[in-house]
PDB file of N, CA and C in Angstrom:
ATOM      1  N   MET A   1     130.457 104.635 122.250  1.00  0.00           N
ATOM      2  CA  MET A   1     130.672 105.728 121.220  1.00  0.00           C
ATOM      3  C   MET A   1     130.583 106.862 121.933  1.00  0.00           C
ATOM      4  N   PRO A   2     131.317 107.943 121.688  1.00  0.00           N
ATOM      5  CA  PRO A   2     131.197 109.109 121.834  1.00  0.00           C
ATOM      6  C   PRO A   2     129.865 110.152 121.795  1.00  0.00           C
ATOM      7  N   THR A   3     129.793 110.810 122.894  1.00  0.00           N
ATOM      8  CA  THR A   3     128.645 111.517 122.734  1.00  0.00           C
ATOM      9  C   THR A   3     128.525 112.827 122.062  1.00  0.00           C
ATOM     10  N   TYR A   4     129.735 113.458 122.009  1.00  0.00           N
ATOM     11  CA  TYR A   4     130.194 114.818 121.582  1.00  0.00           C
ATOM     12  C   TYR A   4     129.218 116.111 122.101  1.00  0.00           C
ATOM     13  N   GLY A   5     129.402 115.776 123.504  1.00  0.00           N
ATOM     14  CA  GLY A   5     128.796 117.091 124.109  1.00  0.00           C
ATOM     15  C   GLY A   5     127.415 116.778 124.281  1.00  0.00           C
ATOM     16  N   GLY A   6     126.808 115.905 124.305  1.00  0.00           N
ATOM     17  CA  GLY A   6     125.364 115.385 124.694  1.00  0.00           C
ATOM     18  C   GLY A   6     125.074 114.077 124.912  1.00  0.00           C
ATOM     19  N   SER A   7     124.051 113.915 125.488  1.00  0.00           N
ATOM     20  CA  SER A   7     123.593 112.660 125.980  1.00  0.00           C
ATOM     21  C   SER A   7     122.181 112.436 125.429  1.00  0.00           C
ATOM     22  N   GLY A   8     121.634 111.139 125.744  1.00  0.00           N
ATOM     23  CA  GLY A   8     120.461 110.723 125.342  1.00  0.00           C
ATOM     24  C   GLY A   8     120.285 109.396 124.381  1.00  0.00           C
ATOM     25  N   ALA A   9     119.025 109.203 124.548  1.00  0.00           N
ATOM     26  CA  ALA A   9     118.806 107.664 123.916  1.00  0.00           C
ATOM     27  C   ALA A   9     118.746 107.925 122.323  1.00  0.00           C
ATOM     28  N   TYR A  10     119.192 106.553 121.669  1.00  0.00           N
ATOM     29  CA  TYR A  10     119.321 106.679 120.077  1.00  0.00           C
ATOM     30  C   TYR A  10     119.046 105.296 119.673  1.00  0.00           C
ATOM     31  N   ARG A  11     118.452 105.205 118.633  1.00  0.00           N
ATOM     32  CA  ARG A  11     118.343 103.855 117.917  1.00  0.00           C
ATOM     33  C   ARG A  11     119.034 103.903 116.417  1.00  0.00           C
ATOM     34  N   ILE A  12     119.683 102.680 116.303  1.00  0.00           N
ATOM     35  CA  ILE A  12     120.501 102.052 115.354  1.00  0.00           C
ATOM     36  C   ILE A  12     120.127 100.977 114.259  1.00  0.00           C
ATOM     37  N   THR A  13     119.918 100.649 113.172  1.00  0.00           N
ATOM     38  CA  THR A  13     119.529  99.717 112.836  1.00  0.00           C
ATOM     39  C   THR A  13     120.229  99.108 111.416  1.00  0.00           C
ATOM     40  N   PHE A  14     120.324  98.249 111.105  1.00  0.00           N
ATOM     41  CA  PHE A  14     120.918  97.538 109.895  1.00  0.00           C
ATOM     42  C   PHE A  14     119.940  96.817 108.964  1.00  0.00           C
ATOM     43  N   ASN A  15     119.734  96.909 107.714  1.00  0.00           N
ATOM     44  CA  ASN A  15     119.091  96.290 106.893  1.00  0.00           C
ATOM     45  C   ASN A  15     120.117  95.852 105.471  1.00  0.00           C
ATOM     46  N   THR A  16     119.555  94.901 104.766  1.00  0.00           N
ATOM     47  CA  THR A  16     120.598  94.695 103.568  1.00  0.00           C
ATOM     48  C   THR A  16     119.838  95.516 102.224  1.00  0.00           C
ATOM     49  N   SER A  17     118.746  96.301 102.437  1.00  0.00           N
ATOM     50  CA  SER A  17     118.167  97.203 101.340  1.00  0.00           C
ATOM     51  C   SER A  17     118.359  98.458 101.474  1.00  0.00           C
ATOM     52  N   PHE A  18     118.346  99.096 100.436  1.00  0.00           N
ATOM     53  CA  PHE A  18     118.548 100.677 100.435  1.00  0.00           C
ATOM     54  C   PHE A  18     117.460 101.488 101.036  1.00  0.00           C
ATOM     55  N   LEU A  19     116.167 101.052 100.954  1.00  0.00           N
ATOM     56  CA  LEU A  19     115.132 101.198 101.354  1.00  0.00           C
ATOM     57  C   LEU A  19     115.174 101.364 103.130  1.00  0.00           C
ATOM     58  N   PRO A  20     114.468 102.498 103.631  1.00  0.00           N
ATOM     59  CA  PRO A  20     114.454 102.775 105.032  1.00  0.00           C
ATOM     60  C   PRO A  20     113.668 101.383 105.828  1.00  0.00           C
ATOM     61  N   PRO A  21     114.226 100.954 106.770  1.00  0.00           N
ATOM     62  CA  PRO A  21     113.767  99.831 107.489  1.00  0.00           C
ATOM     63  C   PRO A  21     112.145 100.180 107.463  1.00  0.00           C
ATOM     64  N   GLY A  22     111.301  99.035 107.411  1.00  0.00           N
ATOM     65  CA  GLY A  22     109.915  99.246 107.522  1.00  0.00           C
ATOM     66  C   GLY A  22     109.411  99.449 106.295  1.00  0.00           C
ATOM     67  N   THR A  23     110.037  99.966 105.117  1.00  0.00           N
ATOM     68  CA  THR A  23     109.379 100.467 103.986  1.00  0.00           C
ATOM     69  C   THR A  23     108.922  99.538 103.250  1.00  0.00           C
ATOM     70  N   THR A  24     107.584  99.727 103.029  1.00  0.00           N
ATOM     71  CA  THR A  24     106.893  98.617 101.861  1.00  0.00           C
ATOM     72  C   THR A  24     106.549  99.538 100.635  1.00  0.00           C
ATOM     73  N   PRO A  25     107.234  99.755  99.605  1.00  0.00           N
ATOM     74  CA  PRO A  25     107.064 100.671  98.617  1.00  0.00           C
ATOM     75  C   PRO A  25     105.538 100.361  97.668  1.00  0.00           C
ATOM     76  N   ILE A  26     104.817 101.079  97.323  1.00  0.00           N
ATOM     77  CA  ILE A  26     103.491 100.979  96.567  1.00  0.00           C
ATOM     78  C   ILE A  26     104.060 100.600  95.231  1.00  0.00           C
ATOM     79  N   SER A  27     103.088  99.391  94.495  1.00  0.00           N
ATOM     80  CA  SER A  27     103.531  99.197  93.406  1.00  0.00           C
ATOM     81  C   SER A  27     102.677 100.473  92.239  1.00  0.00           C
ATOM     82  N   LEU A  28     103.245 100.618  91.081  1.00  0.00           N
ATOM     83  CA  LEU A  28     102.824 101.314  90.185  1.00  0.00           C
ATOM     84  C   LEU A  28     102.494 100.402  89.170  1.00  0.00           C
ATOM     85  N   THR A  29     101.373 100.808  88.370  1.00  0.00           N
ATOM     86  CA  THR A  29     100.945 100.055  86.978  1.00  0.00           C
ATOM     87  C   THR A  29     101.212 101.212  86.069  1.00  0.00           C
ATOM     88  N   GLU A  30     101.553 100.911  84.724  1.00  0.00           N
ATOM     89  CA  GLU A  30     101.848 101.795  83.526  1.00  0.00           C
ATOM     90  C   GLU A  30     100.278 102.484  83.472  1.00  0.00           C
ATOM     91  N   ASN A  31     100.011 103.751  83.172  1.00  0.00           N
ATOM     92  CA  ASN A  31      99.106 104.435  82.554  1.00  0.00           C
ATOM     93  C   ASN A  31      98.187 104.227  83.429  1.00  0.00           C
ATOM     94  N   GLN A  32      98.198 104.130  84.937  1.00  0.00           N
ATOM     95  CA  GLN A  32      97.238 104.518  85.757  1.00  0.00           C
ATOM     96  C   GLN A  32      97.766 105.151  86.826  1.00  0.00           C
ATOM     97  N   TRP A  33      96.955 105.945  87.484  1.00  0.00           N
ATOM     98  CA  TRP A  33      97.159 107.046  88.655  1.00  0.00           C
ATOM     99  C   TRP A  33      97.022 105.980  89.892  1.00  0.00           C
ATOM    100  N   THR A  34      98.199 106.289  90.738  1.00  0.00           N
ATOM    101  CA  THR A  34      98.085 105.764  92.204  1.00  0.00           C
ATOM    102  C   THR A  34      98.110 106.570  93.199  1.00  0.00           C
ATOM    103  N   ASP A  35      97.160 106.699  94.077  1.00  0.00           N
ATOM    104  CA  ASP A  35      97.251 107.739  95.138  1.00  0.00           C
ATOM    105  C   ASP A  35      98.283 107.580  96.095  1.00  0.00           C
ATOM    106  N   GLY A  36      98.658 108.922  96.425  1.00  0.00           N
ATOM    107  CA  GLY A  36      99.775 109.157  97.553  1.00  0.00           C
ATOM    108  C   GLY A  36      99.259 109.863  98.665  1.00  0.00           C
ATOM    109  N   ASN A  37      99.923 109.891  99.669  1.00  0.00           N
ATOM    110  CA  ASN A  37      99.480 110.541 101.045  1.00  0.00           C
ATOM    111  C   ASN A  37     100.911 110.942 101.737  1.00  0.00           C
ATOM    112  N   ILE A  38     101.204 112.145 102.224  1.00  0.00           N
ATOM    113  CA  ILE A  38     102.217 112.110 102.825  1.00  0.00           C
ATOM    114  C   ILE A  38     101.669 112.837 104.046  1.00  0.00           C
ATOM    115  N   LEU A  39     102.152 112.105 105.229  1.00  0.00           N
ATOM    116  CA  LEU A  39     101.138 112.341 106.333  1.00  0.00           C
ATOM    117  C   LEU A  39     101.994 113.396 107.125  1.00  0.00           C
ATOM    118  N   THR A  40     103.223 113.439 107.195  1.00  0.00           N
ATOM    119  CA  THR A  40     104.072 114.621 107.990  1.00  0.00           C
ATOM    120  C   THR A  40     105.102 115.306 107.175  1.00  0.00           C
ATOM    121  N   SER A  41     105.068 116.569 107.423  1.00  0.00           N
ATOM    122  CA  SER A  41     105.989 117.696 106.797  1.00  0.00           C
ATOM    123  C   SER A  41     107.468 117.189 106.631  1.00  0.00           C
ATOM    124  N   ASN A  42     108.025 117.038 105.646  1.00  0.00           N
ATOM    125  CA  ASN A  42     109.135 116.846 105.132  1.00  0.00           C
ATOM    126  C   ASN A  42     109.271 115.150 104.796  1.00  0.00           C
ATOM    127  N   ASN A  43     108.280 114.558 104.713  1.00  0.00           N
ATOM    128  CA  ASN A  43     108.452 112.912 104.978  1.00  0.00           C
ATOM    129  C   ASN A  43     108.130 112.686 103.360  1.00  0.00           C
ATOM    130  N   TYR A  44     108.322 111.160 103.124  1.00  0.00           N
ATOM    131  CA  TYR A  44     108.459 110.778 101.923  1.00  0.00           C
ATOM    132  C   TYR A  44     107.666 109.671 101.922  1.00  0.00           C
ATOM    133  N   GLN A  45     107.310 108.996 100.487  1.00  0.00           N
ATOM    134  CA  GLN A  45     106.679 107.729 100.183  1.00  0.00           C
ATOM    135  C   GLN A  45     107.649 107.041  99.115  1.00  0.00           C
ATOM    136  N   TRP A  46     107.383 105.549  99.177  1.00  0.00           N
ATOM    137  CA  TRP A  46     108.082 104.997  98.136  1.00  0.00           C
ATOM    138  C   TRP A  46     107.376 104.145  97.256  1.00  0.00           C
ATOM    139  N   PHE A  47     107.687 104.241  95.944  1.00  0.00           N
ATOM    140  CA  PHE A  47     106.797 103.447  94.962  1.00  0.00           C
ATOM    141  C   PHE A  47     107.984 102.559  94.267  1.00  0.00           C
ATOM    142  N   VAL A  48     107.344 101.426  93.528  1.00  0.00           N
ATOM    143  CA  VAL A  48     108.124 100.598  92.842  1.00  0.00           C
ATOM    144  C   VAL A  48     107.357 100.111  91.540  1.00  0.00           C
ATOM    145  N   PHE A  49     107.983  99.944  90.249  1.00  0.00           N
ATOM    146  CA  PHE A  49     107.397  99.951  89.358  1.00  0.00           C
ATOM    147  C   PHE A  49     108.498  99.261  88.508  1.00  0.00           C
ATOM    148  N   THR A  50     108.225  98.219  87.330  1.00  0.00           N
ATOM    149  CA  THR A  50     108.887  97.720  86.019  1.00  0.00           C
ATOM    150  C   THR A  50     108.954  98.335  85.139  1.00  0.00           C
ATOM    151  N   ALA A  51     110.249  98.907  84.422  1.00  0.00           N
ATOM    152  CA  ALA A  51     110.047  99.730  83.260  1.00  0.00           C
ATOM    153  C   ALA A  51     109.504  98.709  82.122  1.00  0.00           C
ATOM    154  N   THR A  52     108.617  99.712  81.472  1.00  0.00           N
ATOM    155  CA  THR A  52     108.413  99.079  80.070  1.00  0.00           C
ATOM    156  C   THR A  52     108.773  99.466  78.921  1.00  0.00           C
ATOM    157  N   ALA A  53     109.614 100.412  78.941  1.00  0.00           N
ATOM    158  CA  ALA A  53     110.674 101.226  77.536  1.00  0.00           C
ATOM    159  C   ALA A  53     111.738 101.581  78.118  1.00  0.00           C
ATOM    160  N   ASP A  54     112.644 101.993  77.093  1.00  0.00           N
ATOM    161  CA  ASP A  54     113.816 102.456  77.698  1.00  0.00           C
ATOM    162  C   ASP A  54     113.562 104.040  78.335  1.00  0.00           C
ATOM    163  N   THR A  55     112.762 104.812  77.813  1.00  0.00           N
ATOM    164  CA  THR A  55     112.508 105.948  78.562  1.00  0.00           C
ATOM    165  C   THR A  55     111.058 106.208  79.145  1.00  0.00           C
ATOM    166  N   GLN A  56     110.853 106.215  80.215  1.00  0.00           N
ATOM    167  CA  GLN A  56     109.723 106.499  81.189  1.00  0.00           C
ATOM    168  C   GLN A  56     109.482 107.746  81.558  1.00  0.00           C
ATOM    169  N   TYR A  57     108.298 108.018  81.655  1.00  0.00           N
ATOM    170  CA  TYR A  57     107.772 109.604  82.196  1.00  0.00           C
ATOM    171  C   TYR A  57     107.001 109.204  83.567  1.00  0.00           C
ATOM    172  N   ILE A  58     107.317 110.011  84.369  1.00  0.00           N
ATOM    173  CA  ILE A  58     106.765 110.155  85.943  1.00  0.00           C
ATOM    174  C   ILE A  58     105.882 111.248  85.814  1.00  0.00           C
ATOM    175  N   HIS A  59     104.686 111.178  86.162  1.00  0.00           N
ATOM    176  CA  HIS A  59     103.627 111.974  86.081  1.00  0.00           C
ATOM    177  C   HIS A  59     103.006 112.045  87.411  1.00  0.00           C
ATOM    178  N   PHE A  60     102.661 113.551  87.929  1.00  0.00           N
ATOM    179  CA  PHE A  60     102.444 113.888  89.088  1.00  0.00           C
ATOM    180  C   PHE A  60     100.841 114.910  88.841  1.00  0.00           C
ATOM    181  N   ASP A  61     100.034 114.455  89.355  1.00  0.00           N
ATOM    182  CA  ASP A  61      98.597 115.177  89.578  1.00  0.00           C
ATOM    183  C   ASP A  61      98.434 115.873  90.777  1.00  0.00           C
ATOM    184  N   PRO A  62      98.411 117.395  90.720  1.00  0.00           N
ATOM    185  CA  PRO A  62      98.135 118.070  91.660  1.00  0.00           C
ATOM    186  C   PRO A  62      96.869 118.414  92.151  1.00  0.00           C
ATOM    187  N   THR A  63      95.864 117.394  91.971  1.00  0.00           N
ATOM    188  CA  THR A  63      94.720 117.691  91.784  1.00  0.00           C
ATOM    189  C   THR A  63      94.030 117.259  93.548  1.00  0.00           C
ATOM    190  N   GLY A  64      94.881 116.694  94.201  1.00  0.00           N
ATOM    191  CA  GLY A  64      94.927 116.521  95.960  1.00  0.00           C
ATOM    192  C   GLY A  64      95.265 117.744  96.523  1.00  0.00           C
ATOM    193  N   THR A  65      95.573 117.627  97.601  1.00  0.00           N
ATOM    194  CA  THR A  65      95.634 118.568  98.659  1.00  0.00           C
ATOM    195  C   THR A  65      97.364 119.038  98.504  1.00  0.00           C
ATOM    196  N   LEU A  66      98.160 118.212  98.111  1.00  0.00           N
ATOM    197  CA  LEU A  66      99.671 118.534  98.056  1.00  0.00           C
ATOM    198  C   LEU A  66      99.890 119.110  96.608  1.00  0.00           C
ATOM    199  N   LYS A  67     100.330 120.288  96.595  1.00  0.00           N
ATOM    200  CA  LYS A  67     100.267 120.756  95.269  1.00  0.00           C
ATOM    201  C   LYS A  67     102.060 120.817  94.492  1.00  0.00           C
ATOM    202  N   ASN A  68     102.810 120.358  94.984  1.00  0.00           N
ATOM    203  CA  ASN A  68     104.245 120.249  94.959  1.00  0.00           C
ATOM    204  C   ASN A  68     104.931 118.956  95.590  1.00  0.00           C
ATOM    205  N   VAL A  69     105.579 118.292  94.668  1.00  0.00           N
ATOM    206  CA  VAL A  69     106.817 117.294  95.086  1.00  0.00           C
ATOM    207  C   VAL A  69     107.877 116.936  94.926  1.00  0.00           C
ATOM    208  N   SER A  70     108.623 116.276  95.153  1.00  0.00           N
ATOM    209  CA  SER A  70     110.159 116.255  94.360  1.00  0.00           C
ATOM    210  C   SER A  70     110.327 114.691  94.419  1.00  0.00           C
ATOM    211  N   VAL A  71     110.490 114.125  93.181  1.00  0.00           N
ATOM    212  CA  VAL A  71     110.597 112.661  93.058  1.00  0.00           C
ATOM    213  C   VAL A  71     112.140 112.573  92.732  1.00  0.00           C
ATOM    214  N   GLN A  72     112.708 111.141  93.278  1.00  0.00           N
ATOM    215  CA  GLN A  72     114.039 110.774  92.887  1.00  0.00           C
ATOM    216  C   GLN A  72     113.645 109.357  92.529  1.00  0.00           C
ATOM    217  N   VAL A  73     114.449 108.611  91.377  1.00  0.00           N
ATOM    218  CA  VAL A  73     114.135 107.523  90.694  1.00  0.00           C
ATOM    219  C   VAL A  73     115.466 106.816  91.031  1.00  0.00           C
ATOM    220  N   TYR A  74     115.470 105.511  91.631  1.00  0.00           N
ATOM    221  CA  TYR A  74     116.655 104.451  92.117  1.00  0.00           C
ATOM    222  C   TYR A  74     116.402 103.257  91.252  1.00  0.00           C
ATOM    223  N   ASN A  75     117.617 102.798  90.794  1.00  0.00           N
ATOM    224  CA  ASN A  75     117.390 101.270  90.377  1.00  0.00           C
ATOM    225  C   ASN A  75     117.469 100.196  91.393  1.00  0.00           C
ATOM    226  N   SER A  76     117.388  98.909  91.075  1.00  0.00           N
ATOM    227  CA  SER A  76     116.975  98.103  92.174  1.00  0.00           C
ATOM    228  C   SER A  76     118.358  97.869  93.211  1.00  0.00           C
ATOM    229  N   SER A  77     119.790  98.663  93.016  1.00  0.00           N
ATOM    230  CA  SER A  77     120.880  98.360  93.830  1.00  0.00           C
ATOM    231  C   SER A  77     120.759  99.595  94.502  1.00  0.00           C
ATOM    232  N   GLY A  78     119.961 100.535  94.293  1.00  0.00           N
ATOM    233  CA  GLY A  78     119.660 101.897  95.325  1.00  0.00           C
ATOM    234  C   GLY A  78     120.490 103.134  94.609  1.00  0.00           C
ATOM    235  N   ALA A  79     121.239 102.835  93.400  1.00  0.00           N
ATOM    236  CA  ALA A  79     121.877 103.918  92.759  1.00  0.00           C
ATOM    237  C   ALA A  79     120.614 104.899  92.219  1.00  0.00           C
ATOM    238  N   THR A  80     120.828 106.195  92.298  1.00  0.00           N
ATOM    239  CA  THR A  80     120.151 107.296  91.517  1.00  0.00           C
ATOM    240  C   THR A  80     120.082 107.226  90.255  1.00  0.00           C
ATOM    241  N   VAL A  81     119.130 107.432  89.607  1.00  0.00           N
ATOM    242  CA  VAL A  81     118.801 107.512  88.174  1.00  0.00           C
ATOM    243  C   VAL A  81     118.382 109.142  87.910  1.00  0.00           C
ATOM    244  N   GLY A  82     119.378 109.708  87.578  1.00  0.00           N
ATOM    245  CA  GLY A  82     119.119 111.169  87.307  1.00  0.00           C
ATOM    246  C   GLY A  82     119.105 111.940  88.462  1.00  0.00           C
ATOM    247  N   SER A  83     118.578 113.281  88.545  1.00  0.00           N
ATOM    248  CA  SER A  83     118.544 113.838  89.818  1.00  0.00           C
ATOM    249  C   SER A  83     117.160 114.338  90.495  1.00  0.00           C
ATOM    250  N   GLU A  84     117.243 114.602  91.584  1.00  0.00           N
ATOM    251  CA  GLU A  84     115.875 114.806  92.410  1.00  0.00           C
ATOM    252  C   GLU A  84     115.094 116.079  91.334  1.00  0.00           C
ATOM    253  N   THR A  85     114.025 115.810  91.239  1.00  0.00           N
ATOM    254  CA  THR A  85     113.207 116.617  90.381  1.00  0.00           C
ATOM    255  C   THR A  85     111.704 117.049  91.004  1.00  0.00           C
ATOM    256  N   SER A  86     111.499 118.457  90.864  1.00  0.00           N
ATOM    257  CA  SER A  86     110.307 118.900  91.667  1.00  0.00           C
ATOM    258  C   SER A  86     109.437 118.893  90.521  1.00  0.00           C
ATOM    259  N   LEU A  87     108.162 118.281  91.089  1.00  0.00           N
ATOM    260  CA  LEU A  87     106.880 118.660  90.247  1.00  0.00           C
ATOM    261  C   LEU A  87     105.692 119.131  91.002  1.00  0.00           C
ATOM    262  N   TRP A  88     105.073 120.041  90.174  1.00  0.00           N
ATOM    263  CA  TRP A  88     103.873 120.776  90.826  1.00  0.00           C
ATOM    264  C   TRP A  88     102.947 120.946  89.615  1.00  0.00           C
ATOM    265  N   THR A  89     102.062 122.015  89.999  1.00  0.00           N
ATOM    266  CA  THR A  89     101.293 122.123  89.000  1.00  0.00           C
ATOM    267  C   THR A  89     101.428 122.736  87.527  1.00  0.00           C
ATOM    268  N   VAL A  90     102.787 123.210  87.434  1.00  0.00           N
ATOM    269  CA  VAL A  90     103.030 123.425  85.952  1.00  0.00           C
ATOM    270  C   VAL A  90     104.031 122.542  85.253  1.00  0.00           C
ATOM    271  N   ASP A  91     104.969 122.094  86.101  1.00  0.00           N
ATOM    272  CA  ASP A  91     105.884 121.053  85.735  1.00  0.00           C
ATOM    273  C   ASP A  91     105.095 119.814  86.103  1.00  0.00           C
ATOM    274  N   ARG A  92     104.574 118.866  85.518  1.00  0.00           N
ATOM    275  CA  ARG A  92     103.724 117.814  85.769  1.00  0.00           C
ATOM    276  C   ARG A  92     104.454 116.534  85.701  1.00  0.00           C
ATOM    277  N   ASN A  93     105.331 116.581  84.852  1.00  0.00           N
ATOM    278  CA  ASN A  93     106.264 115.193  84.709  1.00  0.00           C
ATOM    279  C   ASN A  93     107.538 115.311  84.252  1.00  0.00           C
ATOM    280  N   THR A  94     108.193 114.236  84.142  1.00  0.00           N
ATOM    281  CA  THR A  94     109.449 113.930  84.271  1.00  0.00           C
ATOM    282  C   THR A  94     110.139 112.794  83.766  1.00  0.00           C
ATOM    283  N   SER A  95     111.493 112.770  82.535  1.00  0.00           N
ATOM    284  CA  SER A  95     111.304 111.553  82.017  1.00  0.00           C
ATOM    285  C   SER A  95     112.644 111.088  82.357  1.00  0.00           C
ATOM    286  N   ARG A  96     112.946 109.755  82.472  1.00  0.00           N
ATOM    287  CA  ARG A  96     114.226 109.038  82.849  1.00  0.00           C
ATOM    288  C   ARG A  96     114.428 108.036  81.949  1.00  0.00           C
ATOM    289  N   THR A  97     115.784 107.750  81.438  1.00  0.00           N
ATOM    290  CA  THR A  97     116.160 106.587  80.807  1.00  0.00           C
ATOM    291  C   THR A  97     116.500 105.623  81.671  1.00  0.00           C
ATOM    292  N   LEU A  98     115.820 104.389  81.364  1.00  0.00           N
ATOM    293  CA  LEU A  98     115.883 103.225  82.283  1.00  0.00           C
ATOM    294  C   LEU A  98     116.319 102.214  81.172  1.00  0.00           C
ATOM    295  N   GLU A  99     115.999 101.111  81.983  1.00  0.00           N
ATOM    296  CA  GLU A  99     116.191  99.800  81.118  1.00  0.00           C
ATOM    297  C   GLU A  99     115.231  98.761  81.222  1.00  0.00           C
ATOM    298  N   SER A 100     113.969  98.657  79.815  1.00  0.00           N
ATOM    299  CA  SER A 100     113.052  98.193  79.770  1.00  0.00           C
ATOM    300  C   SER A 100     113.256  96.507  80.645  1.00  0.00           C
ATOM    301  N   GLY A 101     112.229  96.409  81.698  1.00  0.00           N
ATOM    302  CA  GLY A 101     112.052  94.956  82.244  1.00  0.00           C
ATOM    303  C   GLY A 101     112.627  95.107  83.593  1.00  0.00           C
ATOM    304  N   GLN A 102     113.463  96.014  83.881  1.00  0.00           N
ATOM    305  CA  GLN A 102     113.849  96.090  85.283  1.00  0.00           C
ATOM    306  C   GLN A 102     113.230  97.104  86.030  1.00  0.00           C
ATOM    307  N   THR A 103     113.423  96.526  87.544  1.00  0.00           N
ATOM    308  CA  THR A 103     112.550  97.173  88.652  1.00  0.00           C
ATOM    309  C   THR A 103     113.293  98.454  88.925  1.00  0.00           C
ATOM    310  N   TYR A 104     112.613  99.479  89.206  1.00  0.00           N
ATOM    311  CA  TYR A 104     112.844 100.839  89.664  1.00  0.00           C
ATOM    312  C   TYR A 104     112.020 101.650  90.844  1.00  0.00           C
ATOM    313  N   TYR A 105     112.498 102.254  91.766  1.00  0.00           N
ATOM    314  CA  TYR A 105     111.808 102.713  92.917  1.00  0.00           C
ATOM    315  C   TYR A 105     111.825 104.370  92.646  1.00  0.00           C
ATOM    316  N   ILE A 106     110.748 104.903  92.993  1.00  0.00           N
ATOM    317  CA  ILE A 106     110.584 106.212  93.209  1.00  0.00           C
ATOM    318  C   ILE A 106     110.342 106.866  94.789  1.00  0.00           C
ATOM    319  N   ARG A 107     111.259 107.619  94.840  1.00  0.00           N
ATOM    320  CA  ARG A 107     111.048 107.972  96.424  1.00  0.00           C
ATOM    321  C   ARG A 107     110.105 109.554  96.216  1.00  0.00           C
ATOM    322  N   VAL A 108     108.943 109.612  96.656  1.00  0.00           N
ATOM    323  CA  VAL A 108     108.397 111.151  96.682  1.00  0.00           C
ATOM    324  C   VAL A 108     108.547 111.694  97.862  1.00  0.00           C
ATOM    325  N   ARG A 109     108.645 113.009  98.095  1.00  0.00           N
ATOM    326  CA  ARG A 109     109.171 114.147  99.076  1.00  0.00           C
ATOM    327  C   ARG A 109     108.370 115.329  99.268  1.00  0.00           C
ATOM    328  N   SER A 110     107.914 115.412 100.011  1.00  0.00           N
ATOM    329  CA  SER A 110     107.098 116.379 100.247  1.00  0.00           C
ATOM    330  C   SER A 110     107.821 117.878  99.976  1.00  0.00           C
ATOM    331  N   SER A 111     107.458 118.646  99.349  1.00  0.00           N
ATOM    332  CA  SER A 111     108.610 119.920  99.371  1.00  0.00           C
ATOM    333  C   SER A 111     107.823 121.159 100.276  1.00  0.00           C
ATOM    334  N   GLY A 112     107.302 120.625 101.333  1.00  0.00           N
ATOM    335  CA  GLY A 112     107.141 121.499 102.143  1.00  0.00           C
ATOM    336  C   GLY A 112     105.201 121.309 102.469  1.00  0.00           C
ATOM    337  N   GLY A 113     104.982 120.545 103.666  1.00  0.00           N
ATOM    338  CA  GLY A 113     103.840 120.264 103.939  1.00  0.00           C
ATOM    339  C   GLY A 113     103.099 118.931 103.732  1.00  0.00           C
ATOM    340  N   THR A 114     102.149 118.731 104.131  1.00  0.00           N
ATOM    341  CA  THR A 114     101.571 117.242 103.738  1.00  0.00           C
ATOM    342  C   THR A 114     100.412 117.042 102.935  1.00  0.00           C
ATOM    343  N   GLY A 115      99.637 115.870 102.695  1.00  0.00           N
ATOM    344  CA  GLY A 115      98.567 115.967 102.087  1.00  0.00           C
ATOM    345  C   GLY A 115      98.651 114.751 100.692  1.00  0.00           C
ATOM    346  N   THR A 116      97.563 114.695 100.058  1.00  0.00           N
ATOM    347  CA  THR A 116      97.278 113.742  99.008  1.00  0.00           C
ATOM    348  C   THR A 116      97.823 113.968  97.614  1.00  0.00           C
ATOM    349  N   TYR A 117      97.990 112.945  96.748  1.00  0.00           N
ATOM    350  CA  TYR A 117      98.582 113.474  95.546  1.00  0.00           C
ATOM    351  C   TYR A 117      98.479 112.316  94.579  1.00  0.00           C
ATOM    352  N   ARG A 118      98.275 111.999  93.372  1.00  0.00           N
ATOM    353  CA  ARG A 118      98.507 111.051  92.326  1.00  0.00           C
ATOM    354  C   ARG A 118      99.921 110.952  91.622  1.00  0.00           C
ATOM    355  N   ILE A 119     100.079 109.619  91.587  1.00  0.00           N
ATOM    356  CA  ILE A 119     101.381 109.811  90.663  1.00  0.00           C
ATOM    357  C   ILE A 119     101.375 108.499  89.712  1.00  0.00           C
ATOM    358  N   GLY A 120     101.989 108.481  88.712  1.00  0.00           N
ATOM    359  CA  GLY A 120     101.740 107.558  87.449  1.00  0.00           C
ATOM    360  C   GLY A 120     102.920 107.396  86.757  1.00  0.00           C
ATOM    361  N   PHE A 121     103.249 106.447  85.886  1.00  0.00           N
ATOM    362  CA  PHE A 121     104.277 106.638  84.891  1.00  0.00           C
ATOM    363  C   PHE A 121     103.703 105.748  83.574  1.00  0.00           C
ATOM    364  N   THR A 122     103.911 106.422  82.482  1.00  0.00           N
ATOM    365  CA  THR A 122     104.199 106.082  80.985  1.00  0.00           C
ATOM    366  C   THR A 122     105.052 105.959  80.121  1.00  0.00           C
ATOM    367  N   THR A 123     104.901 106.030  79.014  1.00  0.00           N
ATOM    368  CA  THR A 123     105.997 105.787  77.920  1.00  0.00           C
ATOM    369  C   THR A 123     105.959 107.272  77.066  1.00  0.00           C
ATOM    370  N   SER A 124     105.030 107.973  77.332  1.00  0.00           N
ATOM    371  CA  SER A 124     105.072 109.376  76.773  1.00  0.00           C
ATOM    372  C   SER A 124     104.723 110.753  77.597  1.00  0.00           C
ATOM    373  N   THR A 125     104.507 111.739  77.269  1.00  0.00           N
ATOM    374  CA  THR A 125     104.461 112.836  78.147  1.00  0.00           C
ATOM    375  C   THR A 125     102.780 113.199  78.257  1.00  0.00           C
ATOM    376  N   THR A 126     102.073 112.131  77.834  1.00  0.00           N
ATOM    377  CA  THR A 126     100.653 112.024  78.003  1.00  0.00           C
ATOM    378  C   THR A 126     100.482 111.571  79.029  1.00  0.00           C
ATOM    379  N   ALA A 127      99.825 111.905  80.276  1.00  0.00           N
ATOM    380  CA  ALA A 127      99.479 111.727  81.722  1.00  0.00           C
ATOM    381  C   ALA A 127      98.485 110.045  81.349  1.00  0.00           C
ATOM    382  N   PRO A 128      98.656 109.685  82.465  1.00  0.00           N
ATOM    383  CA  PRO A 128      97.618 108.499  82.801  1.00  0.00           C
ATOM    384  C   PRO A 128      96.107 109.267  82.583  1.00  0.00           C
ATOM    385  N   ALA A 129      95.122 108.613  82.197  1.00  0.00           N
ATOM    386  CA  ALA A 129      93.545 109.139  81.948  1.00  0.00           C
ATOM    387  C   ALA A 129      93.088 109.098  83.292  1.00  0.00           C
ATOM    388  N   SER A 130      92.352 109.853  83.448  1.00  0.00           N
ATOM    389  CA  SER A 130      91.715 110.013  84.878  1.00  0.00           C
ATOM    390  C   SER A 130      90.666 109.174  85.351  1.00  0.00           C
TER     391      SER A 130
END
């Protein structure tokens, strides 16, 4: 393999999933908050849920130490559903048109920084109860 002007060690891997190797997504339950924690800057965390309606709302609770995140939804084949959306103290939810009964994944990415947060999903703009 050409080095293109440099040298050094590298690692390469292959898997049959679109999720990064070693990733175990955290399960979400409708109408319940789930704790999240992004440990390193520009890192991400994965969640999985089964859609209960054709429109689902993803909610962000900024009461933790992380005040803004970006979320991207994926179907079970790894195709994106909608575009990546920033959620923060003002814009706390986003909706996606999904297929009820199907499995979806949410990638939460830090928008700069590390910390804790909560995420949930519902069938309306009303966030899960605290």
